[in-house]
Amino acid sequence: MPRSAAPETAATPADIVIPDCCNIGVVLRTLIGVNAAAFVAVLVRAGGWKSAVFEFVEASVVVEMACLWSLFILCGLRQVAQRRSGGKDAPAWAQRAVTVLVPAAVTGLVVHLFSLGSGVAGEVEKGIVVGGAAGILFQHYFELRKRAFSPALVEARLQALQARIRPHFLFNSLNAALSLVRTEPRQAENTLEDLADLFRVLMSDPRSMTSLDNEIRLCRQYLSIEKVRLGERMQVSWDMAGVDDEVLRRAQVPVLLLQPLIENAVHYGVEPALAPVPVRIVVARSLDKIEITVTNPFHTNAPGGPGNHMALENIRERLKLLYDVEAQLTTAVAGDVFEARLRFPYVKGAA
């Protein structure tokens, strides 16, 4: 059986202080903050709820357009800064200046376009000042937030989460391999080799990234180990029609993102069963997202029920730390079938 390739490490540059305006979480927080501040300002000036609502609705077109275009431009500038030696060619003060000048210029331009022919004096200057002030505030907020979620703290949390990935199958697999040593030595050797790969990945940097192809290969190795222990009770099917080979090679995923989800399906869907049961894994791409669905039988009276939720919450917390709101893990029970659906951004690595 081919050995899995080593994970590819990808760390976020520490010198970038331009907010990650390509991230949906940053976009949502910015839009909510800007609109809340705009409504409060309108409410104070209007002096009443009814008039404030009407005035805010009229102003919202300018607010949204200025905010979204500023975020779009800053997203592009951040990507440029990341490509230039991790942002080291752009000093922090210059990046901070950009996050002030871009919203100021965009807001001034949008206000100018909407005030043409209105004869309103001073509105453009006011828009420039407001846009620049908003840029200062939000850049400072996101920089402080980044420090609060510093790489050291995130790594420590990820290491704690990875350490909680249930290691009991390692001991079960060792026992299964030992039972094969005399009767089927070649299969025992393959099992131990797969187990060594799993050990190596478990000990890797929790922030390491690998290709989707490598993660799936690791999952297949894990399933081959469990097949020794569970035999014909475990019937696994893979549906890869929704992705091509290029996507599998280039899509970057955190190491051990999918494997614990499949292990959860085996532990709670296959182990309690007395007859052969199916585990189905569907991998697909939807626009800029990778979607993986794992379904397995649902046993109402299976032992260790609360552990099921613990494993899934572990994965959700890792997704939150790594992707903010851009990734989700949803679960559902339909009759006697349990479904876990994992969605995360399609981040391309080297071909």
Protein backbone atom coordinates (compact mmCIF):
# COMPACT_ATOMS: atom_id res chain seq x y z
CA MET A 1 0.00 0.00 0.00
CA PRO A 2 1.47 3.44 -0.93
CA ARG A 3 2.63 5.58 1.91
CA SER A 4 1.02 9.01 2.39
CA ALA A 5 3.06 12.06 1.56
CA ALA A 6 4.33 14.33 4.29
CA PRO A 7 2.00 17.19 5.25
CA GLU A 8 2.74 20.56 3.70
CA THR A 9 3.07 23.27 6.29
CA ALA A 10 1.44 26.65 5.62
CA ALA A 11 1.66 29.33 8.22
CA THR A 12 0.01 32.74 8.09
CA PRO A 13 2.56 35.54 7.74
CA ALA A 14 2.99 37.33 11.03
CA ASP A 15 3.96 40.71 9.46
CA ILE A 16 0.64 41.37 7.73
CA VAL A 17 -1.43 43.97 9.61
CA ILE A 18 -3.95 44.67 6.84
CA PRO A 19 -7.16 42.93 7.99
CA ASP A 20 -7.99 39.73 6.10
CA CYS A 21 -10.86 41.27 4.16
CA CYS A 22 -11.12 38.12 2.00
CA ASN A 23 -12.41 36.26 5.07
CA ILE A 24 -16.19 36.15 5.40
CA GLY A 25 -15.93 36.54 9.18
CA VAL A 26 -14.00 39.82 8.80
CA VAL A 27 -16.47 41.04 6.17
CA LEU A 28 -19.49 40.27 8.37
CA ARG A 29 -17.97 41.87 11.47
CA THR A 30 -17.06 44.99 9.48
CA LEU A 31 -20.49 45.33 7.87
CA ILE A 32 -22.27 44.85 11.18
CA GLY A 33 -20.00 47.35 12.94
CA VAL A 34 -20.22 50.00 10.22
CA ASN A 35 -24.00 49.73 9.90
CA ALA A 36 -24.47 49.83 13.67
CA ALA A 37 -22.29 52.94 13.94
CA ALA A 38 -24.12 54.57 11.03
CA PHE A 39 -27.51 53.87 12.58
CA VAL A 40 -26.45 55.28 15.96
CA ALA A 41 -25.14 58.43 14.26
CA VAL A 42 -28.37 58.85 12.31
CA LEU A 43 -30.45 58.21 15.44
CA VAL A 44 -28.59 60.87 17.42
CA ARG A 45 -29.01 63.40 14.64
CA ALA A 46 -32.63 62.54 13.83
CA GLY A 47 -33.82 62.56 17.43
CA GLY A 48 -36.48 59.90 16.86
CA TRP A 49 -36.75 56.24 15.86
CA LYS A 50 -39.11 56.68 12.91
CA SER A 51 -37.20 59.42 11.16
CA ALA A 52 -33.90 57.69 11.99
CA VAL A 53 -35.02 54.47 10.27
CA PHE A 54 -36.06 56.32 7.09
CA GLU A 55 -32.83 58.33 7.02
CA PHE A 56 -30.73 55.20 7.63
CA VAL A 57 -32.44 53.36 4.76
CA GLU A 58 -31.62 56.26 2.45
CA ALA A 59 -28.00 56.39 3.60
CA SER A 60 -27.49 52.62 3.60
CA VAL A 61 -26.82 52.53 -0.16
CA VAL A 62 -23.83 54.83 0.27
CA VAL A 63 -22.68 53.02 3.42
CA GLU A 64 -22.84 49.54 1.90
CA MET A 65 -21.20 50.53 -1.38
CA ALA A 66 -18.33 52.36 0.32
CA CYS A 67 -17.80 49.52 2.80
CA LEU A 68 -17.91 46.67 0.28
CA TRP A 69 -15.61 48.37 -2.24
CA SER A 70 -13.13 49.22 0.51
CA LEU A 71 -13.13 45.58 1.68
CA PHE A 72 -12.69 44.35 -1.88
CA ILE A 73 -9.67 46.60 -2.51
CA LEU A 74 -8.08 45.78 0.86
CA CYS A 75 -8.56 42.08 0.16
CA GLY A 76 -6.54 42.44 -3.04
CA LEU A 77 -3.86 44.59 -1.38
CA ARG A 78 -3.44 42.05 1.42
CA GLN A 79 -2.90 39.26 -1.10
CA VAL A 80 -0.27 41.37 -2.85
CA ALA A 81 1.46 42.04 0.50
CA GLN A 82 1.43 38.30 1.32
CA ARG A 83 3.12 37.45 -1.97
CA ARG A 84 5.88 40.00 -1.35
CA SER A 85 8.00 37.96 1.09
CA GLY A 86 5.24 37.59 3.65
CA GLY A 87 4.68 41.33 3.89
CA LYS A 88 8.25 42.10 5.01
CA ASP A 89 8.73 44.48 2.06
CA ALA A 90 5.78 46.56 3.31
CA PRO A 91 6.40 48.10 6.76
CA ALA A 92 3.58 47.95 9.27
CA TRP A 93 3.08 51.73 9.25
CA ALA A 94 2.58 51.67 5.47
CA GLN A 95 0.02 48.87 5.75
CA ARG A 96 -1.85 50.77 8.45
CA ALA A 97 -1.79 53.88 6.27
CA VAL A 98 -3.31 51.87 3.41
CA THR A 99 -6.19 50.70 5.63
CA VAL A 100 -6.94 54.38 6.34
CA LEU A 101 -6.43 55.84 2.86
CA VAL A 102 -8.44 53.21 0.97
CA PRO A 103 -11.71 53.61 2.96
CA ALA A 104 -11.23 57.40 2.98
CA ALA A 105 -10.75 57.58 -0.80
CA VAL A 106 -13.52 55.11 -1.60
CA THR A 107 -16.03 56.76 0.73
CA GLY A 108 -15.20 60.21 -0.66
CA LEU A 109 -15.66 58.94 -4.22
CA VAL A 110 -18.97 57.22 -3.46
CA VAL A 111 -20.34 60.28 -1.66
CA HIS A 112 -19.22 62.46 -4.59
CA LEU A 113 -21.03 60.24 -7.10
CA PHE A 114 -24.25 60.24 -5.07
CA SER A 115 -24.13 63.97 -4.38
CA LEU A 116 -23.64 65.10 -8.00
CA GLY A 117 -26.14 67.81 -8.79
CA SER A 118 -27.42 67.95 -5.23
CA GLY A 119 -25.49 71.10 -4.38
CA VAL A 120 -24.64 69.72 -0.91
CA ALA A 121 -21.38 71.34 0.18
CA GLY A 122 -18.85 69.61 2.39
CA GLU A 123 -20.37 66.12 2.07
CA VAL A 124 -17.36 64.70 0.21
CA GLU A 125 -14.92 66.01 2.81
CA LYS A 126 -17.10 64.61 5.55
CA GLY A 127 -17.19 61.23 3.79
CA ILE A 128 -13.38 61.16 3.53
CA VAL A 129 -13.02 61.90 7.24
CA VAL A 130 -15.63 59.29 8.25
CA GLY A 131 -14.13 56.65 5.94
CA GLY A 132 -10.61 57.28 7.25
CA ALA A 133 -11.77 57.16 10.86
CA ALA A 134 -13.61 53.89 10.26
CA GLY A 135 -10.47 52.47 8.64
CA ILE A 136 -8.36 53.38 11.69
CA LEU A 137 -10.84 51.87 14.14
CA PHE A 138 -11.36 48.59 12.30
CA GLN A 139 -7.68 48.08 11.49
CA HIS A 140 -6.86 48.55 15.17
CA TYR A 141 -9.68 46.22 16.23
CA PHE A 142 -8.61 43.41 13.89
CA GLU A 143 -4.94 43.83 14.79
CA LEU A 144 -5.78 43.51 18.49
CA ARG A 145 -8.01 40.53 17.73
CA LYS A 146 -5.17 38.90 15.79
CA ARG A 147 -2.87 39.35 18.78
CA ALA A 148 -5.52 37.83 21.07
CA PHE A 149 -5.57 34.82 18.72
CA SER A 150 -1.80 34.84 18.34
CA PRO A 151 -0.15 31.88 16.55
CA ALA A 152 1.27 30.61 19.86
CA LEU A 153 -2.16 30.56 21.51
CA VAL A 154 -3.86 29.07 18.47
CA GLU A 155 -1.17 26.41 18.15
CA ALA A 156 -1.51 25.52 21.84
CA ARG A 157 -5.28 25.18 21.46
CA LEU A 158 -4.96 23.12 18.29
CA GLN A 159 -2.42 20.84 19.95
CA ALA A 160 -4.83 20.30 22.84
CA LEU A 161 -7.65 19.50 20.42
CA GLN A 162 -5.48 17.16 18.36
CA ALA A 163 -4.33 15.37 21.50
CA ARG A 164 -7.99 14.61 22.24
CA ILE A 165 -8.48 12.79 18.93
CA ARG A 166 -9.39 9.34 20.22
CA PRO A 167 -6.18 7.25 20.21
CA HIS A 168 -7.79 4.02 21.37
CA PHE A 169 -7.89 2.64 17.80
CA LEU A 170 -4.07 2.63 17.87
CA PHE A 171 -4.13 0.05 20.66
CA ASN A 172 -6.91 -1.93 18.99
CA SER A 173 -4.93 -1.92 15.75
CA LEU A 174 -1.78 -3.12 17.49
CA ASN A 175 -3.74 -6.05 18.94
CA ALA A 176 -5.25 -6.78 15.53
CA ALA A 177 -1.78 -6.75 13.92
CA LEU A 178 -0.39 -9.05 16.61
CA SER A 179 -3.19 -11.51 16.00
CA LEU A 180 -2.16 -11.70 12.33
CA VAL A 181 1.58 -12.11 12.86
CA ARG A 182 1.56 -15.93 12.71
CA THR A 183 -1.35 -16.59 10.37
CA GLU A 184 -1.00 -13.71 7.87
CA PRO A 185 2.39 -12.03 8.37
CA ARG A 186 2.17 -9.93 5.18
CA GLN A 187 -1.14 -8.38 6.22
CA ALA A 188 0.23 -7.79 9.71
CA GLU A 189 3.19 -5.96 8.18
CA ASN A 190 0.90 -3.76 6.06
CA THR A 191 -1.21 -2.98 9.11
CA LEU A 192 1.82 -1.94 11.14
CA GLU A 193 3.07 0.25 8.26
CA ASP A 194 -0.32 2.00 8.06
CA LEU A 195 -0.27 2.41 11.82
CA ALA A 196 3.19 4.00 11.65
CA ASP A 197 1.88 6.56 9.14
CA LEU A 198 -1.01 7.41 11.45
CA PHE A 199 1.38 7.84 14.38
CA ARG A 200 3.55 10.15 12.30
CA VAL A 201 0.59 12.35 11.36
CA LEU A 202 -0.72 12.42 14.92
CA MET A 203 2.65 13.79 16.02
CA SER A 204 2.82 16.47 13.30
CA ASP A 205 2.30 20.21 13.72
CA PRO A 206 -1.47 20.72 14.32
CA ARG A 207 -1.42 23.70 11.93
CA SER A 208 0.10 21.64 9.10
CA MET A 209 -1.76 21.57 5.82
CA THR A 210 -1.85 18.70 3.36
CA SER A 211 -3.58 18.00 0.09
CA LEU A 212 -7.08 16.55 0.06
CA ASP A 213 -5.63 13.58 -1.82
CA ASN A 214 -3.17 12.86 1.01
CA GLU A 215 -5.88 13.22 3.67
CA ILE A 216 -8.13 10.78 1.82
CA ARG A 217 -5.21 8.36 1.42
CA LEU A 218 -4.63 8.55 5.17
CA CYS A 219 -8.32 7.82 5.78
CA ARG A 220 -8.13 4.79 3.51
CA GLN A 221 -5.15 3.53 5.50
CA TYR A 222 -7.10 4.02 8.73
CA LEU A 223 -10.08 2.12 7.28
CA SER A 224 -7.84 -0.73 6.14
CA ILE A 225 -6.64 -1.05 9.76
CA GLU A 226 -10.20 -1.09 11.08
CA LYS A 227 -11.16 -3.64 8.41
CA VAL A 228 -8.76 -6.09 10.06
CA ARG A 229 -10.60 -5.65 13.36
CA LEU A 230 -14.21 -5.34 12.17
CA GLY A 231 -14.12 -7.58 9.11
CA GLU A 232 -17.22 -7.74 6.91
CA ARG A 233 -19.28 -5.71 9.37
CA MET A 234 -17.73 -2.56 7.87
CA GLN A 235 -18.83 -1.85 4.28
CA VAL A 236 -17.26 1.43 3.11
CA SER A 237 -18.09 3.15 -0.19
CA TRP A 238 -16.45 6.27 -1.63
CA ASP A 239 -18.18 8.63 -4.08
CA MET A 240 -15.53 10.89 -5.68
CA ALA A 241 -17.54 11.85 -8.77
CA GLY A 242 -17.87 15.45 -7.56
CA VAL A 243 -14.12 16.17 -7.69
CA ASP A 244 -11.42 15.63 -10.29
CA ASP A 245 -7.78 14.67 -9.77
CA GLU A 246 -6.57 18.28 -9.98
CA VAL A 247 -8.87 19.39 -7.15
CA LEU A 248 -7.72 16.45 -5.03
CA ARG A 249 -4.07 17.38 -5.59
CA ARG A 250 -4.42 21.13 -5.11
CA ALA A 251 -7.09 21.48 -2.39
CA GLN A 252 -5.39 22.21 0.94
CA VAL A 253 -6.90 20.84 4.16
CA PRO A 254 -5.71 20.72 7.79
CA VAL A 255 -4.07 17.43 8.70
CA LEU A 256 -6.48 15.02 10.42
CA LEU A 257 -9.61 16.97 9.54
CA LEU A 258 -11.49 14.13 7.84
CA GLN A 259 -10.01 11.11 9.62
CA PRO A 260 -11.65 11.79 13.03
CA LEU A 261 -15.00 12.23 11.28
CA ILE A 262 -14.68 8.82 9.63
CA GLU A 263 -13.43 7.30 12.87
CA ASN A 264 -16.54 8.67 14.55
CA ALA A 265 -18.70 6.95 11.91
CA VAL A 266 -16.88 3.65 12.43
CA HIS A 267 -17.01 3.80 16.22
CA TYR A 268 -20.70 4.77 16.53
CA GLY A 269 -22.09 3.30 13.31
CA VAL A 270 -20.21 0.05 12.74
CA GLU A 271 -18.92 -1.21 16.10
CA PRO A 272 -22.39 -1.57 17.75
CA ALA A 273 -23.75 -3.48 14.71
CA LEU A 274 -23.93 -7.27 14.56
CA ALA A 275 -24.47 -7.47 10.78
CA PRO A 276 -22.70 -5.73 7.87
CA VAL A 277 -23.54 -2.01 7.74
CA PRO A 278 -22.64 0.72 5.22
CA VAL A 279 -20.47 3.79 5.72
CA ARG A 280 -20.69 6.16 2.74
CA ILE A 281 -18.26 9.02 2.08
CA VAL A 282 -19.09 11.59 -0.63
CA VAL A 283 -16.51 14.19 -1.70
CA ALA A 284 -17.59 17.07 -3.94
CA ARG A 285 -16.68 20.62 -4.88
CA SER A 286 -19.27 23.41 -4.86
CA LEU A 287 -17.88 26.67 -6.33
CA ASP A 288 -15.22 27.77 -3.83
CA LYS A 289 -16.06 25.13 -1.21
CA ILE A 290 -15.13 21.49 -0.68
CA GLU A 291 -18.02 19.46 0.73
CA ILE A 292 -17.58 16.05 2.34
CA THR A 293 -20.55 14.03 3.58
CA VAL A 294 -20.18 10.96 5.80
CA THR A 295 -23.23 8.80 6.51
CA ASN A 296 -23.44 5.79 8.82
CA PRO A 297 -26.14 3.82 10.66
CA PHE A 298 -27.59 5.49 13.74
CA HIS A 299 -28.01 3.26 16.79
CA THR A 300 -30.30 4.84 19.36
CA ASN A 301 -29.13 2.66 22.25
CA ALA A 302 -25.45 2.50 21.31
CA PRO A 303 -23.06 2.91 24.25
CA GLY A 304 -20.95 6.05 24.50
CA GLY A 305 -23.50 8.38 22.96
CA PRO A 306 -22.14 11.60 24.54
CA GLY A 307 -18.70 10.89 23.10
CA ASN A 308 -20.22 11.29 19.64
CA HIS A 309 -20.99 14.95 20.39
CA MET A 310 -17.54 15.47 21.95
CA ALA A 311 -15.74 14.31 18.80
CA LEU A 312 -17.90 16.49 16.56
CA GLU A 313 -17.45 19.55 18.78
CA ASN A 314 -13.70 18.93 18.63
CA ILE A 315 -13.84 19.18 14.82
CA ARG A 316 -16.07 22.28 14.95
CA GLU A 317 -13.64 24.05 17.26
CA ARG A 318 -10.71 23.25 14.98
CA LEU A 319 -12.68 24.64 12.02
CA LYS A 320 -13.44 27.82 13.95
CA LEU A 321 -9.78 28.34 14.85
CA LEU A 322 -8.58 27.64 11.32
CA TYR A 323 -11.34 29.15 9.14
CA ASP A 324 -13.47 31.42 11.36
CA VAL A 325 -17.01 31.34 9.88
CA GLU A 326 -15.96 30.09 6.43
CA ALA A 327 -16.23 26.39 7.38
CA GLN A 328 -19.07 24.42 8.95
CA LEU A 329 -19.77 20.95 10.25
CA THR A 330 -23.48 20.12 10.34
CA THR A 331 -25.10 16.89 11.49
CA ALA A 332 -28.55 15.39 11.04
CA VAL A 333 -30.37 12.17 11.85
CA ALA A 334 -32.90 10.86 9.32
CA GLY A 335 -34.53 7.69 10.58
CA ASP A 336 -31.73 5.21 11.23
CA VAL A 337 -29.05 7.16 9.32
CA PHE A 338 -26.62 9.68 10.82
CA GLU A 339 -25.18 12.27 8.43
CA ALA A 340 -22.22 14.60 9.02
CA ARG A 341 -21.60 17.28 6.38
CA LEU A 342 -18.26 19.11 6.34
CA ARG A 343 -17.76 22.29 4.25
CA PHE A 344 -14.55 24.33 4.08
CA PRO A 345 -12.91 26.76 1.59
CA TYR A 346 -11.23 25.42 -1.51
CA VAL A 347 -7.73 26.77 -0.91
CA LYS A 348 -5.37 25.87 -3.75
CA GLY A 349 -1.84 24.74 -3.11
CA ALA A 350 0.97 24.13 -5.56
CA ALA A 351 0.01 21.91 -8.46
